[in-house]
Amino acid sequence: MPTAPAKRPAATPAKPRRNAVLTVVMALFVIYAFVPLVWLIINATKTQQDLLSTFGLGFGHHFVLFQNIAETFTYKDGIFLHWLGNTLLYVVVGAGGATLLATLGGYGLAKFAFPGRRAVFGVVLGAIAVPGTALAVPTFLLFSHLGLTNTPWAVILPSLISPFGLYLIWTFAIDAVPTELLEAARVDGSSELRTFFTVSLRLLAPGIVTVLLFAIVATWNNYFLPLIMLSDPKWYPLTVGLSQWSAQATGVAAQPIYNLVITGSLITIIPIVIAFLFLQRYWQSGLAAGSVKA
């Protein structure tokens, strides 16, 4: 009788290769990234006196984190909370509007052929290459001529333009939204607007969330633009407001509020960290989309 073929031993999964040099380099990068955050957390628990008399990475004689938080929110009639509201306004309207415009523009450039599309592509790449600081003074002069300086629109309107977001959606939509699917929707009588909201928008979701994350971070951390556009503290975002506090705490007539600057800085980064952790999975999938084809 023929004997049954012998079973082959199951292949053992290959172990990932380890590189000692790369491990050390990555460990140094992690330490470089986390030491400032650890310093910020530790020093937010100190009093003004402990900040100036104790080691930066060591705790002080008194743990006053919650007192510092309460004083930060109540200092000068709660101006910090007002700055936080301004920042949220700029992020919701500016970053949200930038994401919407980038999505509409990038999708249109990716899926509709029209004369001059190559020229538009060159303009978008050129806009990405130009640093924002180089356009700050011309933007200020333009808004000053229009009478919009020292208003929220001076921060919101420039934030609506995101060349990088437009380019990202453009390149993402080319592979994420199959042209055959759009043709099938048109044959069924669906309008372009309905096709976009019912079909394309779902396929573009990872890319949209990626652009939204970049826009949120850029608007939340925006400092130079509101610095030159705004002169009234009631319209300051957190970045400019905390900078003013820091100047008051270290100037000639220094005020004892350096502990509030540290605590306010810690509070400022918490929302952006939460947003990043919440959107991280969409961000990763958006960056990886198109790298593997069926």
Protein backbone atom coordinates (compact mmCIF):
# COMPACT_ATOMS: atom_id res chain seq x y z
CA MET A 1 0.00 0.00 0.00
CA PRO A 2 1.27 3.48 -0.79
CA THR A 3 2.30 5.32 2.27
CA ALA A 4 0.89 8.75 3.05
CA PRO A 5 3.29 11.60 2.28
CA ALA A 6 5.13 12.85 5.29
CA LYS A 7 3.96 16.16 6.64
CA ARG A 8 6.33 19.01 6.19
CA PRO A 9 7.31 20.80 9.34
CA ALA A 10 5.56 24.12 9.78
CA ALA A 11 7.73 26.99 8.75
CA THR A 12 8.81 29.09 11.67
CA PRO A 13 8.22 32.81 11.21
CA ALA A 14 11.35 34.73 10.51
CA LYS A 15 12.55 36.79 13.41
CA PRO A 16 12.94 40.49 12.74
CA ARG A 17 16.51 41.56 12.38
CA ARG A 18 17.89 43.77 15.09
CA ASN A 19 20.36 46.55 14.57
CA ALA A 20 22.10 47.74 17.69
CA VAL A 21 23.13 51.07 16.19
CA LEU A 22 19.60 51.79 14.98
CA THR A 23 18.18 50.84 18.38
CA VAL A 24 20.53 53.26 20.14
CA VAL A 25 19.71 56.06 17.68
CA MET A 26 15.97 55.55 18.13
CA ALA A 27 16.37 55.46 21.90
CA LEU A 28 18.19 58.80 21.75
CA PHE A 29 15.39 60.26 19.64
CA VAL A 30 12.78 59.04 22.15
CA ILE A 31 14.73 60.56 25.04
CA TYR A 32 15.16 63.82 23.11
CA ALA A 33 11.40 63.96 22.49
CA PHE A 34 10.26 63.02 25.99
CA VAL A 35 12.68 64.93 28.22
CA PRO A 36 11.05 68.35 27.52
CA LEU A 37 7.61 66.86 28.21
CA VAL A 38 8.79 65.28 31.46
CA TRP A 39 10.42 68.59 32.45
CA LEU A 40 7.15 70.41 31.76
CA ILE A 41 5.05 67.97 33.79
CA ILE A 42 7.42 68.02 36.76
CA ASN A 43 7.81 71.79 36.88
CA ALA A 44 4.05 72.36 36.62
CA THR A 45 3.84 70.88 40.11
CA LYS A 46 6.20 73.46 41.66
CA THR A 47 5.77 76.83 43.25
CA GLN A 48 7.47 79.92 41.88
CA GLN A 49 10.22 79.60 44.50
CA ASP A 50 10.84 75.91 43.79
CA LEU A 51 11.10 76.60 40.08
CA LEU A 52 14.07 78.87 40.68
CA SER A 53 15.77 76.90 43.45
CA THR A 54 15.40 73.17 42.59
CA PHE A 55 16.69 70.85 39.88
CA GLY A 56 14.63 70.99 36.68
CA LEU A 57 13.97 67.25 36.50
CA GLY A 58 13.33 66.89 40.21
CA PHE A 59 10.19 67.64 42.20
CA GLY A 60 10.05 70.64 44.51
CA HIS A 61 9.32 70.88 48.19
CA HIS A 62 5.59 71.39 47.61
CA PHE A 63 3.21 69.68 45.16
CA VAL A 64 0.96 72.49 43.92
CA LEU A 65 -0.18 71.27 40.51
CA PHE A 66 -3.88 71.76 41.18
CA GLN A 67 -3.29 75.15 42.78
CA ASN A 68 -1.30 76.21 39.72
CA ILE A 69 -4.08 75.03 37.40
CA ALA A 70 -6.72 76.94 39.36
CA GLU A 71 -4.57 80.08 39.43
CA THR A 72 -3.85 79.80 35.71
CA PHE A 73 -7.55 79.80 34.87
CA THR A 74 -8.40 82.65 37.26
CA TYR A 75 -5.41 84.96 36.69
CA LYS A 76 -6.47 88.37 35.35
CA ASP A 77 -10.19 87.53 35.32
CA GLY A 78 -9.70 84.25 33.47
CA ILE A 79 -7.87 85.60 30.43
CA PHE A 80 -6.28 82.17 29.86
CA LEU A 81 -9.72 80.61 29.38
CA HIS A 82 -10.54 83.38 26.91
CA TRP A 83 -7.36 82.61 24.96
CA LEU A 84 -8.31 78.95 24.97
CA GLY A 85 -11.69 79.82 23.46
CA ASN A 86 -10.00 81.92 20.78
CA THR A 87 -7.68 79.04 19.91
CA LEU A 88 -10.61 76.64 19.63
CA LEU A 89 -12.39 79.13 17.37
CA TYR A 90 -9.36 79.42 15.08
CA VAL A 91 -8.94 75.64 14.99
CA VAL A 92 -12.58 74.78 14.35
CA VAL A 93 -13.18 77.41 11.67
CA GLY A 94 -9.66 77.66 10.24
CA ALA A 95 -8.53 74.03 10.32
CA GLY A 96 -12.01 72.71 9.54
CA GLY A 97 -12.41 75.10 6.63
CA ALA A 98 -8.92 74.31 5.33
CA THR A 99 -9.73 70.59 5.38
CA LEU A 100 -13.01 71.13 3.55
CA LEU A 101 -11.46 73.30 0.86
CA ALA A 102 -8.49 70.95 0.44
CA THR A 103 -10.84 67.98 0.10
CA LEU A 104 -13.02 69.63 -2.53
CA GLY A 105 -10.08 71.03 -4.48
CA GLY A 106 -7.94 67.89 -4.29
CA TYR A 107 -10.81 65.64 -5.35
CA GLY A 108 -11.67 67.88 -8.28
CA LEU A 109 -8.07 68.03 -9.47
CA ALA A 110 -7.71 64.26 -9.17
CA LYS A 111 -10.93 63.18 -10.89
CA PHE A 112 -11.78 65.90 -13.42
CA ALA A 113 -9.71 66.76 -16.47
CA PHE A 114 -9.64 70.42 -17.50
CA PRO A 115 -7.25 72.72 -19.35
CA GLY A 116 -4.46 74.08 -17.17
CA ARG A 117 -4.40 71.26 -14.63
CA ARG A 118 -0.63 70.89 -15.00
CA ALA A 119 -0.24 74.61 -14.31
CA VAL A 120 -2.34 74.26 -11.18
CA PHE A 121 -0.15 71.37 -10.11
CA GLY A 122 2.94 73.57 -10.46
CA VAL A 123 1.32 76.39 -8.50
CA VAL A 124 0.39 74.01 -5.65
CA LEU A 125 3.92 72.62 -5.45
CA GLY A 126 5.32 76.14 -5.50
CA ALA A 127 2.99 77.17 -2.68
CA ILE A 128 4.18 74.21 -0.61
CA ALA A 129 7.81 75.21 -1.15
CA VAL A 130 7.29 78.81 0.03
CA PRO A 131 7.58 79.09 3.84
CA GLY A 132 4.70 80.75 5.62
CA THR A 133 6.95 83.29 7.33
CA ALA A 134 7.95 84.67 3.93
CA LEU A 135 4.32 85.56 3.25
CA ALA A 136 3.59 86.98 6.70
CA VAL A 137 4.48 90.61 5.94
CA PRO A 138 2.63 90.74 2.57
CA THR A 139 -0.37 89.13 4.24
CA PHE A 140 -0.27 91.71 7.03
CA LEU A 141 -0.11 94.59 4.53
CA LEU A 142 -3.04 93.13 2.58
CA PHE A 143 -5.21 92.65 5.66
CA SER A 144 -4.24 96.08 6.97
CA HIS A 145 -5.41 97.62 3.69
CA LEU A 146 -8.71 95.72 4.03
CA GLY A 147 -9.13 96.79 7.65
CA LEU A 148 -9.14 93.21 8.99
CA THR A 149 -6.14 93.35 11.28
CA ASN A 150 -6.79 92.88 14.99
CA THR A 151 -9.88 90.80 14.18
CA PRO A 152 -10.38 87.00 14.21
CA TRP A 153 -10.57 87.03 10.41
CA ALA A 154 -6.90 88.02 10.26
CA VAL A 155 -6.06 84.57 11.66
CA ILE A 156 -8.91 82.51 10.23
CA LEU A 157 -8.72 83.51 6.56
CA PRO A 158 -5.00 82.69 6.06
CA SER A 159 -5.55 79.41 7.92
CA LEU A 160 -8.12 78.34 5.31
CA ILE A 161 -5.37 77.92 2.70
CA SER A 162 -3.54 74.61 2.93
CA PRO A 163 -1.49 73.80 -0.19
CA PHE A 164 -0.03 70.70 1.44
CA GLY A 165 -3.50 69.45 2.37
CA LEU A 166 -4.70 70.05 -1.18
CA TYR A 167 -1.73 68.14 -2.59
CA LEU A 168 -2.23 65.29 -0.12
CA ILE A 169 -5.91 64.85 -0.98
CA TRP A 170 -5.07 65.15 -4.67
CA THR A 171 -2.55 62.32 -4.61
CA PHE A 172 -4.67 60.23 -2.24
CA ALA A 173 -7.87 60.52 -4.31
CA ILE A 174 -6.18 59.28 -7.49
CA ASP A 175 -5.93 55.72 -6.13
CA ALA A 176 -8.50 55.79 -3.31
CA VAL A 177 -11.49 56.60 -5.54
CA PRO A 178 -11.67 54.27 -8.60
CA THR A 179 -12.75 56.05 -11.76
CA GLU A 180 -14.86 53.00 -12.71
CA LEU A 181 -16.93 53.48 -9.56
CA LEU A 182 -17.64 57.09 -10.48
CA GLU A 183 -18.59 56.09 -14.01
CA ALA A 184 -21.02 53.50 -12.66
CA ALA A 185 -22.64 56.13 -10.42
CA ARG A 186 -23.00 58.51 -13.39
CA VAL A 187 -24.60 55.77 -15.50
CA ASP A 188 -27.12 55.21 -12.72
CA GLY A 189 -28.06 58.89 -12.94
CA SER A 190 -26.33 60.13 -9.80
CA SER A 191 -25.25 63.76 -9.84
CA GLU A 192 -21.63 64.71 -9.19
CA LEU A 193 -22.52 66.25 -5.85
CA ARG A 194 -24.46 63.20 -4.72
CA THR A 195 -21.70 60.88 -5.90
CA PHE A 196 -19.14 62.87 -3.95
CA PHE A 197 -21.06 62.78 -0.66
CA THR A 198 -22.37 59.20 -0.88
CA VAL A 199 -19.46 57.40 -2.56
CA SER A 200 -16.24 59.39 -2.73
CA LEU A 201 -16.37 60.95 0.73
CA ARG A 202 -16.29 57.56 2.46
CA LEU A 203 -13.33 56.41 0.40
CA LEU A 204 -11.49 59.67 1.12
CA ALA A 205 -12.08 59.47 4.88
CA PRO A 206 -8.52 58.38 5.84
CA GLY A 207 -6.98 61.13 3.75
CA ILE A 208 -9.42 63.73 5.06
CA VAL A 209 -8.64 62.85 8.67
CA THR A 210 -4.92 63.03 7.88
CA VAL A 211 -5.27 66.53 6.44
CA LEU A 212 -7.48 67.52 9.38
CA LEU A 213 -4.83 66.40 11.84
CA PHE A 214 -2.09 68.39 10.12
CA ALA A 215 -4.36 71.44 9.93
CA ILE A 216 -5.29 71.20 13.61
CA VAL A 217 -1.65 70.99 14.69
CA ALA A 218 -0.61 73.86 12.41
CA THR A 219 -3.44 76.14 13.57
CA TRP A 220 -3.12 75.25 17.26
CA ASN A 221 0.62 75.96 17.24
CA ASN A 222 0.38 79.05 15.01
CA TYR A 223 2.35 81.85 16.62
CA PHE A 224 3.93 84.24 14.13
CA LEU A 225 0.77 85.07 12.16
CA PRO A 226 -1.41 86.08 15.16
CA LEU A 227 1.59 87.84 16.68
CA ILE A 228 1.80 90.34 13.82
CA MET A 229 -1.94 90.45 13.08
CA LEU A 230 -3.34 90.97 16.58
CA SER A 231 -2.66 93.71 19.08
CA ASP A 232 -5.69 93.32 21.35
CA PRO A 233 -5.10 90.61 24.01
CA LYS A 234 -8.76 89.60 23.88
CA TRP A 235 -8.15 88.00 20.45
CA TYR A 236 -4.86 86.29 21.32
CA PRO A 237 -4.54 82.53 20.91
CA LEU A 238 -2.80 80.53 23.60
CA THR A 239 0.59 80.67 21.87
CA VAL A 240 0.75 84.46 21.83
CA GLY A 241 -0.87 84.85 25.24
CA LEU A 242 1.59 82.53 26.95
CA SER A 243 4.45 84.31 25.19
CA GLN A 244 3.24 87.58 26.68
CA TRP A 245 3.08 86.00 30.14
CA SER A 246 6.61 84.67 29.69
CA ALA A 247 7.86 88.14 28.79
CA GLN A 248 6.18 89.56 31.90
CA ALA A 249 7.74 86.85 34.08
CA THR A 250 11.30 87.37 32.82
CA GLY A 251 11.43 91.09 32.02
CA VAL A 252 12.95 93.96 33.98
CA ALA A 253 9.88 94.34 36.19
CA ALA A 254 9.35 90.58 36.39
CA GLN A 255 6.08 89.32 37.84
CA PRO A 256 5.97 86.07 39.84
CA ILE A 257 3.92 84.18 37.27
CA TYR A 258 6.52 81.85 35.77
CA ASN A 259 4.75 78.90 37.39
CA LEU A 260 1.59 79.96 35.53
CA VAL A 261 3.51 80.02 32.24
CA ILE A 262 4.69 76.45 32.82
CA THR A 263 1.26 75.22 33.90
CA GLY A 264 -0.45 77.00 31.02
CA SER A 265 1.98 75.41 28.57
CA LEU A 266 1.13 71.97 29.97
CA ILE A 267 -2.60 72.63 29.67
CA THR A 268 -2.10 73.88 26.12
CA ILE A 269 -0.57 70.66 24.83
CA ILE A 270 -3.18 68.35 26.38
CA PRO A 271 -5.93 68.93 23.75
CA ILE A 272 -3.54 68.47 20.84
CA VAL A 273 -2.18 65.24 22.34
CA ILE A 274 -5.71 63.94 22.80
CA ALA A 275 -6.58 64.84 19.19
CA PHE A 276 -3.45 63.12 17.91
CA LEU A 277 -4.11 59.93 19.90
CA PHE A 278 -7.75 59.86 18.77
CA LEU A 279 -6.93 60.40 15.08
CA GLN A 280 -3.72 58.37 15.03
CA ARG A 281 -5.21 55.24 13.46
CA TYR A 282 -6.80 57.25 10.66
CA TRP A 283 -3.56 59.19 10.19
CA GLN A 284 -1.52 55.99 9.84
CA SER A 285 -3.98 54.42 7.41
CA GLY A 286 -4.07 57.64 5.40
CA LEU A 287 -0.31 57.75 5.01
CA ALA A 288 -0.16 54.05 4.08
CA ALA A 289 -3.00 54.21 1.55
CA GLY A 290 -1.83 53.59 -1.97
CA SER A 291 1.44 51.98 -0.91
CA VAL A 292 0.04 48.46 -1.45
CA LYS A 293 -1.96 47.68 -4.56
CA ALA A 294 -4.06 44.60 -5.14
